[in-house]
Amino acid sequence: WAEYLRLRNTLNDAIAEIERLRALPSRDAVLEEAARVAER
């Protein structure tokens, strides 16, 4: 059970990291926003 829970926590951590990465804006979006800031 301890091993199962450890693996489950590891899996949950991996899923959370994937979701965090998916939420990041794309490189193009970041560059466009930086260009807008520079423009102003």
PDB file of all heavy atoms in Angstrom:
ATOM      1  N   TRP A   1       0.830  -1.209   0.000  1.00  0.00           N
ATOM      2  CA  TRP A   1       0.000   0.000   0.000  1.00  0.00           C
ATOM      3  C   TRP A   1       0.867   1.262   0.000  1.00  0.00           C
ATOM      4  O   TRP A   1       0.557   2.235  -0.681  1.00  0.00           O
ATOM      5  CB  TRP A   1      -0.947   0.016   1.200  1.00  0.00           C
ATOM      6  CG  TRP A   1      -2.211  -0.743   0.922  1.00  0.00           C
ATOM      7  CD1 TRP A   1      -2.559  -1.957   1.410  1.00  0.00           C
ATOM      8  CD2 TRP A   1      -3.258  -0.333   0.052  1.00  0.00           C
ATOM      9  NE1 TRP A   1      -3.765  -2.347   0.907  1.00  0.00           N
ATOM     10  CE2 TRP A   1      -4.226  -1.359   0.065  1.00  0.00           C
ATOM     11  CE3 TRP A   1      -3.492   0.770  -0.744  1.00  0.00           C
ATOM     12  CZ2 TRP A   1      -5.403  -1.301  -0.674  1.00  0.00           C
ATOM     13  CZ3 TRP A   1      -4.674   0.832  -1.483  1.00  0.00           C
ATOM     14  CH2 TRP A   1      -5.610  -0.193  -1.447  1.00  0.00           C
ATOM     15  N   ALA A   2       1.956   1.235   0.746  1.00  0.00           N
ATOM     16  CA  ALA A   2       2.852   2.397   0.784  1.00  0.00           C
ATOM     17  C   ALA A   2       3.440   2.636  -0.600  1.00  0.00           C
ATOM     18  O   ALA A   2       3.520   3.784  -1.067  1.00  0.00           O
ATOM     19  CB  ALA A   2       3.961   2.178   1.819  1.00  0.00           C
ATOM     20  N   GLU A   3       3.845   1.568  -1.280  1.00  0.00           N
ATOM     21  CA  GLU A   3       4.392   1.701  -2.626  1.00  0.00           C
ATOM     22  C   GLU A   3       3.322   2.222  -3.593  1.00  0.00           C
ATOM     23  O   GLU A   3       3.579   3.089  -4.418  1.00  0.00           O
ATOM     24  CB  GLU A   3       4.944   0.357  -3.111  1.00  0.00           C
ATOM     25  CG  GLU A   3       5.547   0.387  -4.489  1.00  0.00           C
ATOM     26  CD  GLU A   3       6.802   1.246  -4.599  1.00  0.00           C
ATOM     27  OE1 GLU A   3       7.338   1.697  -3.573  1.00  0.00           O
ATOM     28  OE2 GLU A   3       7.241   1.465  -5.739  1.00  0.00           O
ATOM     29  N   TYR A   4       2.111   1.688  -3.461  1.00  0.00           N
ATOM     30  CA  TYR A   4       1.000   2.152  -4.302  1.00  0.00           C
ATOM     31  C   TYR A   4       0.752   3.650  -4.093  1.00  0.00           C
ATOM     32  O   TYR A   4       0.626   4.410  -5.052  1.00  0.00           O
ATOM     33  CB  TYR A   4      -0.267   1.357  -3.983  1.00  0.00           C
ATOM     34  CG  TYR A   4      -1.518   1.969  -4.548  1.00  0.00           C
ATOM     35  CD1 TYR A   4      -1.821   1.831  -5.902  1.00  0.00           C
ATOM     36  CD2 TYR A   4      -2.387   2.702  -3.747  1.00  0.00           C
ATOM     37  CE1 TYR A   4      -2.961   2.406  -6.437  1.00  0.00           C
ATOM     38  CE2 TYR A   4      -3.527   3.280  -4.274  1.00  0.00           C
ATOM     39  CZ  TYR A   4      -3.812   3.124  -5.620  1.00  0.00           C
ATOM     40  OH  TYR A   4      -4.935   3.702  -6.133  1.00  0.00           O
ATOM     41  N   LEU A   5       0.709   4.064  -2.829  1.00  0.00           N
ATOM     42  CA  LEU A   5       0.465   5.477  -2.530  1.00  0.00           C
ATOM     43  C   LEU A   5       1.621   6.360  -3.027  1.00  0.00           C
ATOM     44  O   LEU A   5       1.395   7.455  -3.544  1.00  0.00           O
ATOM     45  CB  LEU A   5       0.237   5.677  -1.037  1.00  0.00           C
ATOM     46  CG  LEU A   5      -1.059   5.073  -0.503  1.00  0.00           C
ATOM     47  CD1 LEU A   5      -1.108   5.186   1.016  1.00  0.00           C
ATOM     48  CD2 LEU A   5      -2.282   5.732  -1.134  1.00  0.00           C
ATOM     49  N   ARG A   6       2.856   5.868  -2.884  1.00  0.00           N
ATOM     50  CA  ARG A   6       4.005   6.622  -3.382  1.00  0.00           C
ATOM     51  C   ARG A   6       3.914   6.790  -4.899  1.00  0.00           C
ATOM     52  O   ARG A   6       4.092   7.890  -5.424  1.00  0.00           O
ATOM     53  CB  ARG A   6       5.299   5.919  -3.005  1.00  0.00           C
ATOM     54  CG  ARG A   6       6.559   6.720  -3.334  1.00  0.00           C
ATOM     55  CD  ARG A   6       7.825   5.921  -3.093  1.00  0.00           C
ATOM     56  NE  ARG A   6       7.962   4.786  -3.984  1.00  0.00           N
ATOM     57  CZ  ARG A   6       8.313   4.876  -5.273  1.00  0.00           C
ATOM     58  NH1 ARG A   6       8.559   6.046  -5.808  1.00  0.00           N
ATOM     59  NH2 ARG A   6       8.431   3.806  -6.018  1.00  0.00           N
ATOM     60  N   LEU A   7       3.598   5.711  -5.600  1.00  0.00           N
ATOM     61  CA  LEU A   7       3.468   5.791  -7.054  1.00  0.00           C
ATOM     62  C   LEU A   7       2.294   6.677  -7.458  1.00  0.00           C
ATOM     63  O   LEU A   7       2.371   7.428  -8.421  1.00  0.00           O
ATOM     64  CB  LEU A   7       3.305   4.387  -7.650  1.00  0.00           C
ATOM     65  CG  LEU A   7       4.540   3.499  -7.574  1.00  0.00           C
ATOM     66  CD1 LEU A   7       4.209   2.095  -8.051  1.00  0.00           C
ATOM     67  CD2 LEU A   7       5.681   4.078  -8.379  1.00  0.00           C
ATOM     68  N   ARG A   8       1.220   6.578  -6.691  1.00  0.00           N
ATOM     69  CA  ARG A   8       0.061   7.414  -6.988  1.00  0.00           C
ATOM     70  C   ARG A   8       0.397   8.891  -6.799  1.00  0.00           C
ATOM     71  O   ARG A   8       0.021   9.727  -7.616  1.00  0.00           O
ATOM     72  CB  ARG A   8      -1.117   7.015  -6.101  1.00  0.00           C
ATOM     73  CG  ARG A   8      -2.375   7.735  -6.437  1.00  0.00           C
ATOM     74  CD  ARG A   8      -3.535   7.169  -5.689  1.00  0.00           C
ATOM     75  NE  ARG A   8      -4.673   8.032  -5.895  1.00  0.00           N
ATOM     76  CZ  ARG A   8      -5.789   7.926  -5.239  1.00  0.00           C
ATOM     77  NH1 ARG A   8      -5.935   6.981  -4.343  1.00  0.00           N
ATOM     78  NH2 ARG A   8      -6.774   8.752  -5.471  1.00  0.00           N
ATOM     79  N   ASN A   9       1.121   9.214  -5.740  1.00  0.00           N
ATOM     80  CA  ASN A   9       1.541  10.602  -5.524  1.00  0.00           C
ATOM     81  C   ASN A   9       2.462  11.075  -6.638  1.00  0.00           C
ATOM     82  O   ASN A   9       2.353  12.206  -7.107  1.00  0.00           O
ATOM     83  CB  ASN A   9       2.239  10.751  -4.168  1.00  0.00           C
ATOM     84  CG  ASN A   9       1.260  10.712  -3.015  1.00  0.00           C
ATOM     85  OD1 ASN A   9       0.073  10.951  -3.192  1.00  0.00           O
ATOM     86  ND2 ASN A   9       1.746  10.386  -1.841  1.00  0.00           N
ATOM     87  N   THR A  10       3.361  10.190  -7.068  1.00  0.00           N
ATOM     88  CA  THR A  10       4.260  10.531  -8.167  1.00  0.00           C
ATOM     89  C   THR A  10       3.457  10.798  -9.430  1.00  0.00           C
ATOM     90  O   THR A  10       3.708  11.768 -10.145  1.00  0.00           O
ATOM     91  CB  THR A  10       5.279   9.392  -8.401  1.00  0.00           C
ATOM     92  OG1 THR A  10       6.022   9.195  -7.207  1.00  0.00           O
ATOM     93  CG2 THR A  10       6.215   9.721  -9.543  1.00  0.00           C
ATOM     94  N   LEU A  11       2.483   9.945  -9.712  1.00  0.00           N
ATOM     95  CA  LEU A  11       1.624  10.129 -10.882  1.00  0.00           C
ATOM     96  C   LEU A  11       0.839  11.434 -10.774  1.00  0.00           C
ATOM     97  O   LEU A  11       0.776  12.207 -11.735  1.00  0.00           O
ATOM     98  CB  LEU A  11       0.666   8.948 -11.024  1.00  0.00           C
ATOM     99  CG  LEU A  11      -0.345   9.037 -12.162  1.00  0.00           C
ATOM    100  CD1 LEU A  11       0.366   9.100 -13.503  1.00  0.00           C
ATOM    101  CD2 LEU A  11      -1.300   7.878 -12.116  1.00  0.00           C
ATOM    102  N   ASN A  12       0.279  11.704  -9.607  1.00  0.00           N
ATOM    103  CA  ASN A  12      -0.464  12.954  -9.412  1.00  0.00           C
ATOM    104  C   ASN A  12       0.437  14.172  -9.591  1.00  0.00           C
ATOM    105  O   ASN A  12       0.022  15.168 -10.186  1.00  0.00           O
ATOM    106  CB  ASN A  12      -1.133  12.982  -8.033  1.00  0.00           C
ATOM    107  CG  ASN A  12      -2.308  12.039  -7.948  1.00  0.00           C
ATOM    108  OD1 ASN A  12      -2.862  11.612  -8.956  1.00  0.00           O
ATOM    109  ND2 ASN A  12      -2.678  11.675  -6.740  1.00  0.00           N
ATOM    110  N   ASP A  13       1.667  14.080  -9.103  1.00  0.00           N
ATOM    111  CA  ASP A  13       2.623  15.179  -9.290  1.00  0.00           C
ATOM    112  C   ASP A  13       2.932  15.380 -10.768  1.00  0.00           C
ATOM    113  O   ASP A  13       3.012  16.509 -11.252  1.00  0.00           O
ATOM    114  CB  ASP A  13       3.925  14.912  -8.527  1.00  0.00           C
ATOM    115  CG  ASP A  13       3.755  15.002  -7.016  1.00  0.00           C
ATOM    116  OD1 ASP A  13       2.702  15.504  -6.557  1.00  0.00           O
ATOM    117  OD2 ASP A  13       4.677  14.561  -6.301  1.00  0.00           O
ATOM    118  N   ALA A  14       3.102  14.283 -11.499  1.00  0.00           N
ATOM    119  CA  ALA A  14       3.391  14.372 -12.936  1.00  0.00           C
ATOM    120  C   ALA A  14       2.210  14.985 -13.682  1.00  0.00           C
ATOM    121  O   ALA A  14       2.396  15.846 -14.551  1.00  0.00           O
ATOM    122  CB  ALA A  14       3.719  12.989 -13.494  1.00  0.00           C
ATOM    123  N   ILE A  15       1.006  14.577 -13.338  1.00  0.00           N
ATOM    124  CA  ILE A  15      -0.187  15.134 -13.982  1.00  0.00           C
ATOM    125  C   ILE A  15      -0.300  16.624 -13.685  1.00  0.00           C
ATOM    126  O   ILE A  15      -0.588  17.420 -14.579  1.00  0.00           O
ATOM    127  CB  ILE A  15      -1.453  14.371 -13.539  1.00  0.00           C
ATOM    128  CG1 ILE A  15      -1.432  12.959 -14.136  1.00  0.00           C
ATOM    129  CG2 ILE A  15      -2.717  15.117 -13.940  1.00  0.00           C
ATOM    130  CD1 ILE A  15      -2.493  12.042 -13.566  1.00  0.00           C
ATOM    131  N   ALA A  16      -0.034  17.015 -12.455  1.00  0.00           N
ATOM    132  CA  ALA A  16      -0.091  18.435 -12.093  1.00  0.00           C
ATOM    133  C   ALA A  16       0.942  19.233 -12.878  1.00  0.00           C
ATOM    134  O   ALA A  16       0.659  20.350 -13.335  1.00  0.00           O
ATOM    135  CB  ALA A  16       0.127  18.604 -10.591  1.00  0.00           C
ATOM    136  N   GLU A  17       2.131  18.676 -13.069  1.00  0.00           N
ATOM    137  CA  GLU A  17       3.179  19.373 -13.823  1.00  0.00           C
ATOM    138  C   GLU A  17       2.779  19.508 -15.294  1.00  0.00           C
ATOM    139  O   GLU A  17       2.985  20.551 -15.909  1.00  0.00           O
ATOM    140  CB  GLU A  17       4.504  18.622 -13.698  1.00  0.00           C
ATOM    141  CG  GLU A  17       5.663  19.274 -14.403  1.00  0.00           C
ATOM    142  CD  GLU A  17       6.047  20.645 -13.870  1.00  0.00           C
ATOM    143  OE1 GLU A  17       5.541  21.072 -12.803  1.00  0.00           O
ATOM    144  OE2 GLU A  17       6.854  21.321 -14.521  1.00  0.00           O
ATOM    145  N   ILE A  18       2.186  18.473 -15.855  1.00  0.00           N
ATOM    146  CA  ILE A  18       1.720  18.541 -17.242  1.00  0.00           C
ATOM    147  C   ILE A  18       0.655  19.621 -17.384  1.00  0.00           C
ATOM    148  O   ILE A  18       0.679  20.414 -18.330  1.00  0.00           O
ATOM    149  CB  ILE A  18       1.190  17.170 -17.706  1.00  0.00           C
ATOM    150  CG1 ILE A  18       2.358  16.197 -17.871  1.00  0.00           C
ATOM    151  CG2 ILE A  18       0.401  17.293 -19.006  1.00  0.00           C
ATOM    152  CD1 ILE A  18       1.939  14.749 -18.043  1.00  0.00           C
ATOM    153  N   GLU A  19      -0.266  19.676 -16.465  1.00  0.00           N
ATOM    154  CA  GLU A  19      -1.312  20.705 -16.501  1.00  0.00           C
ATOM    155  C   GLU A  19      -0.720  22.098 -16.364  1.00  0.00           C
ATOM    156  O   GLU A  19      -1.140  23.035 -17.035  1.00  0.00           O
ATOM    157  CB  GLU A  19      -2.359  20.466 -15.408  1.00  0.00           C
ATOM    158  CG  GLU A  19      -3.184  19.211 -15.624  1.00  0.00           C
ATOM    159  CD  GLU A  19      -3.906  19.202 -16.962  1.00  0.00           C
ATOM    160  OE1 GLU A  19      -4.446  20.239 -17.375  1.00  0.00           O
ATOM    161  OE2 GLU A  19      -3.909  18.133 -17.608  1.00  0.00           O
ATOM    162  N   ARG A  20       0.291  22.236 -15.504  1.00  0.00           N
ATOM    163  CA  ARG A  20       0.955  23.537 -15.347  1.00  0.00           C
ATOM    164  C   ARG A  20       1.623  23.947 -16.663  1.00  0.00           C
ATOM    165  O   ARG A  20       1.515  25.094 -17.096  1.00  0.00           O
ATOM    166  CB  ARG A  20       2.000  23.474 -14.227  1.00  0.00           C
ATOM    167  CG  ARG A  20       2.656  24.812 -13.905  1.00  0.00           C
ATOM    168  CD  ARG A  20       3.838  24.649 -12.959  1.00  0.00           C
ATOM    169  NE  ARG A  20       4.970  24.004 -13.572  1.00  0.00           N
ATOM    170  CZ  ARG A  20       5.816  24.617 -14.411  1.00  0.00           C
ATOM    171  NH1 ARG A  20       5.643  25.877 -14.740  1.00  0.00           N
ATOM    172  NH2 ARG A  20       6.845  23.957 -14.928  1.00  0.00           N
ATOM    173  N   LEU A  21       2.289  23.002 -17.302  1.00  0.00           N
ATOM    174  CA  LEU A  21       2.962  23.301 -18.561  1.00  0.00           C
ATOM    175  C   LEU A  21       1.964  23.640 -19.666  1.00  0.00           C
ATOM    176  O   LEU A  21       2.206  24.519 -20.485  1.00  0.00           O
ATOM    177  CB  LEU A  21       3.855  22.130 -18.984  1.00  0.00           C
ATOM    178  CG  LEU A  21       5.075  21.902 -18.095  1.00  0.00           C
ATOM    179  CD1 LEU A  21       5.780  20.606 -18.484  1.00  0.00           C
ATOM    180  CD2 LEU A  21       6.033  23.073 -18.161  1.00  0.00           C
ATOM    181  N   ARG A  22       0.833  22.940 -19.681  1.00  0.00           N
ATOM    182  CA  ARG A  22      -0.204  23.230 -20.682  1.00  0.00           C
ATOM    183  C   ARG A  22      -0.776  24.628 -20.505  1.00  0.00           C
ATOM    184  O   ARG A  22      -1.202  25.248 -21.465  1.00  0.00           O
ATOM    185  CB  ARG A  22      -1.334  22.217 -20.589  1.00  0.00           C
ATOM    186  CG  ARG A  22      -1.020  20.902 -21.214  1.00  0.00           C
ATOM    187  CD  ARG A  22      -2.215  20.001 -21.185  1.00  0.00           C
ATOM    188  NE  ARG A  22      -1.902  18.727 -21.774  1.00  0.00           N
ATOM    189  CZ  ARG A  22      -2.581  17.628 -21.549  1.00  0.00           C
ATOM    190  NH1 ARG A  22      -3.619  17.649 -20.748  1.00  0.00           N
ATOM    191  NH2 ARG A  22      -2.226  16.507 -22.125  1.00  0.00           N
ATOM    192  N   ALA A  23      -0.800  25.105 -19.271  1.00  0.00           N
ATOM    193  CA  ALA A  23      -1.380  26.425 -18.988  1.00  0.00           C
ATOM    194  C   ALA A  23      -0.445  27.567 -19.392  1.00  0.00           C
ATOM    195  O   ALA A  23      -0.883  28.702 -19.519  1.00  0.00           O
ATOM    196  CB  ALA A  23      -1.730  26.540 -17.504  1.00  0.00           C
ATOM    197  N   LEU A  24       0.825  27.249 -19.605  1.00  0.00           N
ATOM    198  CA  LEU A  24       1.759  28.301 -20.003  1.00  0.00           C
ATOM    199  C   LEU A  24       1.421  28.772 -21.414  1.00  0.00           C
ATOM    200  O   LEU A  24       1.034  27.984 -22.270  1.00  0.00           O
ATOM    201  CB  LEU A  24       3.199  27.773 -19.991  1.00  0.00           C
ATOM    202  CG  LEU A  24       3.795  27.462 -18.631  1.00  0.00           C
ATOM    203  CD1 LEU A  24       5.188  26.852 -18.791  1.00  0.00           C
ATOM    204  CD2 LEU A  24       3.873  28.702 -17.766  1.00  0.00           C
ATOM    205  N   PRO A  25       1.565  30.061 -21.651  1.00  0.00           N
ATOM    206  CA  PRO A  25       1.292  30.562 -23.002  1.00  0.00           C
ATOM    207  C   PRO A  25       2.339  30.053 -23.981  1.00  0.00           C
ATOM    208  O   PRO A  25       3.446  29.687 -23.593  1.00  0.00           O
ATOM    209  CB  PRO A  25       1.368  32.081 -22.851  1.00  0.00           C
ATOM    210  CG  PRO A  25       2.147  32.320 -21.611  1.00  0.00           C
ATOM    211  CD  PRO A  25       1.969  31.109 -20.738  1.00  0.00           C
ATOM    212  N   SER A  26       1.968  30.049 -25.239  1.00  0.00           N
ATOM    213  CA  SER A  26       2.913  29.598 -26.256  1.00  0.00           C
ATOM    214  C   SER A  26       4.042  30.610 -26.393  1.00  0.00           C
ATOM    215  O   SER A  26       3.920  31.777 -26.018  1.00  0.00           O
ATOM    216  CB  SER A  26       2.209  29.446 -27.595  1.00  0.00           C
ATOM    217  OG  SER A  26       1.854  30.720 -28.101  1.00  0.00           O
ATOM    218  N   ARG A  27       5.145  30.180 -26.970  1.00  0.00           N
ATOM    219  CA  ARG A  27       6.297  31.061 -27.167  1.00  0.00           C
ATOM    220  C   ARG A  27       5.901  32.252 -28.036  1.00  0.00           C
ATOM    221  O   ARG A  27       6.285  33.384 -27.770  1.00  0.00           O
ATOM    222  CB  ARG A  27       7.433  30.269 -27.812  1.00  0.00           C
ATOM    223  CG  ARG A  27       8.702  31.081 -27.995  1.00  0.00           C
ATOM    224  CD  ARG A  27       9.828  30.191 -28.522  1.00  0.00           C
ATOM    225  NE  ARG A  27      11.085  30.879 -28.516  1.00  0.00           N
ATOM    226  CZ  ARG A  27      11.505  31.679 -29.495  1.00  0.00           C
ATOM    227  NH1 ARG A  27      10.735  31.883 -30.543  1.00  0.00           N
ATOM    228  NH2 ARG A  27      12.668  32.280 -29.426  1.00  0.00           N
ATOM    229  N   ASP A  28       5.127  31.991 -29.089  1.00  0.00           N
ATOM    230  CA  ASP A  28       4.695  33.076 -29.972  1.00  0.00           C
ATOM    231  C   ASP A  28       3.862  34.106 -29.222  1.00  0.00           C
ATOM    232  O   ASP A  28       4.019  35.305 -29.424  1.00  0.00           O
ATOM    233  CB  ASP A  28       3.891  32.529 -31.153  1.00  0.00           C
ATOM    234  CG  ASP A  28       4.777  31.865 -32.194  1.00  0.00           C
ATOM    235  OD1 ASP A  28       6.013  31.970 -32.083  1.00  0.00           O
ATOM    236  OD2 ASP A  28       4.223  31.247 -33.114  1.00  0.00           O
ATOM    237  N   ALA A  29       2.976  33.637 -28.339  1.00  0.00           N
ATOM    238  CA  ALA A  29       2.139  34.564 -27.571  1.00  0.00           C
ATOM    239  C   ALA A  29       2.999  35.410 -26.639  1.00  0.00           C
ATOM    240  O   ALA A  29       2.756  36.611 -26.476  1.00  0.00           O
ATOM    241  CB  ALA A  29       1.090  33.791 -26.773  1.00  0.00           C
ATOM    242  N   VAL A  30       3.999  34.788 -26.035  1.00  0.00           N
ATOM    243  CA  VAL A  30       4.893  35.525 -25.132  1.00  0.00           C
ATOM    244  C   VAL A  30       5.682  36.576 -25.911  1.00  0.00           C
ATOM    245  O   VAL A  30       5.808  37.727 -25.485  1.00  0.00           O
ATOM    246  CB  VAL A  30       5.839  34.549 -24.394  1.00  0.00           C
ATOM    247  CG1 VAL A  30       6.936  35.292 -23.662  1.00  0.00           C
ATOM    248  CG2 VAL A  30       5.052  33.677 -23.433  1.00  0.00           C
ATOM    249  N   LEU A  31       6.204  36.180 -27.082  1.00  0.00           N
ATOM    250  CA  LEU A  31       6.958  37.135 -27.893  1.00  0.00           C
ATOM    251  C   LEU A  31       6.074  38.288 -28.366  1.00  0.00           C
ATOM    252  O   LEU A  31       6.504  39.444 -28.365  1.00  0.00           O
ATOM    253  CB  LEU A  31       7.598  36.426 -29.092  1.00  0.00           C
ATOM    254  CG  LEU A  31       8.793  35.530 -28.764  1.00  0.00           C
ATOM    255  CD1 LEU A  31       9.221  34.743 -29.999  1.00  0.00           C
ATOM    256  CD2 LEU A  31       9.947  36.334 -28.216  1.00  0.00           C
ATOM    257  N   GLU A  32       4.847  37.999 -28.752  1.00  0.00           N
ATOM    258  CA  GLU A  32       3.948  39.061 -29.208  1.00  0.00           C
ATOM    259  C   GLU A  32       3.631  40.031 -28.075  1.00  0.00           C
ATOM    260  O   GLU A  32       3.610  41.242 -28.259  1.00  0.00           O
ATOM    261  CB  GLU A  32       2.671  38.469 -29.791  1.00  0.00           C
ATOM    262  CG  GLU A  32       1.733  39.502 -30.375  1.00  0.00           C
ATOM    263  CD  GLU A  32       2.378  40.405 -31.433  1.00  0.00           C
ATOM    264  OE1 GLU A  32       3.222  39.936 -32.227  1.00  0.00           O
ATOM    265  OE2 GLU A  32       2.039  41.605 -31.451  1.00  0.00           O
ATOM    266  N   GLU A  33       3.406  39.497 -26.881  1.00  0.00           N
ATOM    267  CA  GLU A  33       3.136  40.371 -25.731  1.00  0.00           C
ATOM    268  C   GLU A  33       4.364  41.223 -25.414  1.00  0.00           C
ATOM    269  O   GLU A  33       4.241  42.415 -25.120  1.00  0.00           O
ATOM    270  CB  GLU A  33       2.722  39.551 -24.514  1.00  0.00           C
ATOM    271  CG  GLU A  33       2.321  40.382 -23.319  1.00  0.00           C
ATOM    272  CD  GLU A  33       1.164  41.357 -23.569  1.00  0.00           C
ATOM    273  OE1 GLU A  33       0.334  41.109 -24.466  1.00  0.00           O
ATOM    274  OE2 GLU A  33       1.096  42.380 -22.866  1.00  0.00           O
ATOM    275  N   ALA A  34       5.543  40.635 -25.501  1.00  0.00           N
ATOM    276  CA  ALA A  34       6.778  41.399 -25.265  1.00  0.00           C
ATOM    277  C   ALA A  34       6.920  42.504 -26.313  1.00  0.00           C
ATOM    278  O   ALA A  34       7.326  43.633 -25.989  1.00  0.00           O
ATOM    279  CB  ALA A  34       7.989  40.469 -25.314  1.00  0.00           C
ATOM    280  N   ALA A  35       6.570  42.199 -27.546  1.00  0.00           N
ATOM    281  CA  ALA A  35       6.634  43.216 -28.604  1.00  0.00           C
ATOM    282  C   ALA A  35       5.661  44.357 -28.323  1.00  0.00           C
ATOM    283  O   ALA A  35       5.987  45.534 -28.508  1.00  0.00           O
ATOM    284  CB  ALA A  35       6.340  42.582 -29.965  1.00  0.00           C
ATOM    285  N   ARG A  36       4.458  44.007 -27.863  1.00  0.00           N
ATOM    286  CA  ARG A  36       3.473  45.058 -27.535  1.00  0.00           C
ATOM    287  C   ARG A  36       3.971  45.945 -26.401  1.00  0.00           C
ATOM    288  O   ARG A  36       3.791  47.163 -26.435  1.00  0.00           O
ATOM    289  CB  ARG A  36       2.133  44.431 -27.154  1.00  0.00           C
ATOM    290  CG  ARG A  36       1.348  43.947 -28.333  1.00  0.00           C
ATOM    291  CD  ARG A  36      -0.080  43.587 -27.924  1.00  0.00           C
ATOM    292  NE  ARG A  36      -0.526  42.517 -28.792  1.00  0.00           N
ATOM    293  CZ  ARG A  36      -0.850  41.300 -28.410  1.00  0.00           C
ATOM    294  NH1 ARG A  36      -0.831  40.962 -27.145  1.00  0.00           N
ATOM    295  NH2 ARG A  36      -1.230  40.404 -29.282  1.00  0.00           N
ATOM    296  N   VAL A  37       4.572  45.336 -25.395  1.00  0.00           N
ATOM    297  CA  VAL A  37       5.112  46.111 -24.269  1.00  0.00           C
ATOM    298  C   VAL A  37       6.221  47.033 -24.774  1.00  0.00           C
ATOM    299  O   VAL A  37       6.261  48.222 -24.436  1.00  0.00           O
ATOM    300  CB  VAL A  37       5.626  45.183 -23.150  1.00  0.00           C
ATOM    301  CG1 VAL A  37       6.434  45.946 -22.120  1.00  0.00           C
ATOM    302  CG2 VAL A  37       4.456  44.463 -22.487  1.00  0.00           C
ATOM    303  N   ALA A  38       7.109  46.498 -25.590  1.00  0.00           N
ATOM    304  CA  ALA A  38       8.209  47.310 -26.140  1.00  0.00           C
ATOM    305  C   ALA A  38       7.660  48.456 -26.983  1.00  0.00           C
ATOM    306  O   ALA A  38       8.159  49.583 -26.915  1.00  0.00           O
ATOM    307  CB  ALA A  38       9.133  46.434 -26.971  1.00  0.00           C
ATOM    308  N   GLU A  39       6.636  48.161 -27.752  1.00  0.00           N
ATOM    309  CA  GLU A  39       6.030  49.172 -28.618  1.00  0.00           C
ATOM    310  C   GLU A  39       5.485  50.364 -27.816  1.00  0.00           C
ATOM    311  O   GLU A  39       5.541  51.496 -28.256  1.00  0.00           O
ATOM    312  CB  GLU A  39       4.865  48.510 -29.370  1.00  0.00           C
ATOM    313  CG  GLU A  39       4.771  48.806 -30.810  1.00  0.00           C
ATOM    314  CD  GLU A  39       3.810  47.830 -31.484  1.00  0.00           C
ATOM    315  OE1 GLU A  39       2.830  47.367 -30.871  1.00  0.00           O
ATOM    316  OE2 GLU A  39       4.077  47.545 -32.647  1.00  0.00           O
ATOM    317  N   ARG A  40       4.944  50.058 -26.645  1.00  0.00           N
ATOM    318  CA  ARG A  40       4.347  51.115 -25.812  1.00  0.00           C
ATOM    319  C   ARG A  40       5.338  51.742 -24.841  1.00  0.00           C
ATOM    320  O   ARG A  40       4.990  52.644 -24.091  1.00  0.00           O
ATOM    321  CB  ARG A  40       3.157  50.535 -25.044  1.00  0.00           C
ATOM    322  CG  ARG A  40       2.015  50.111 -25.949  1.00  0.00           C
ATOM    323  CD  ARG A  40       0.788  49.714 -25.164  1.00  0.00           C
ATOM    324  NE  ARG A  40       1.006  48.561 -24.298  1.00  0.00           N
ATOM    325  CZ  ARG A  40       0.687  47.304 -24.598  1.00  0.00           C
ATOM    326  NH1 ARG A  40       0.143  47.024 -25.754  1.00  0.00           N
ATOM    327  NH2 ARG A  40       0.908  46.337 -23.750  1.00  0.00           N
TER     328      ARG A  40
END
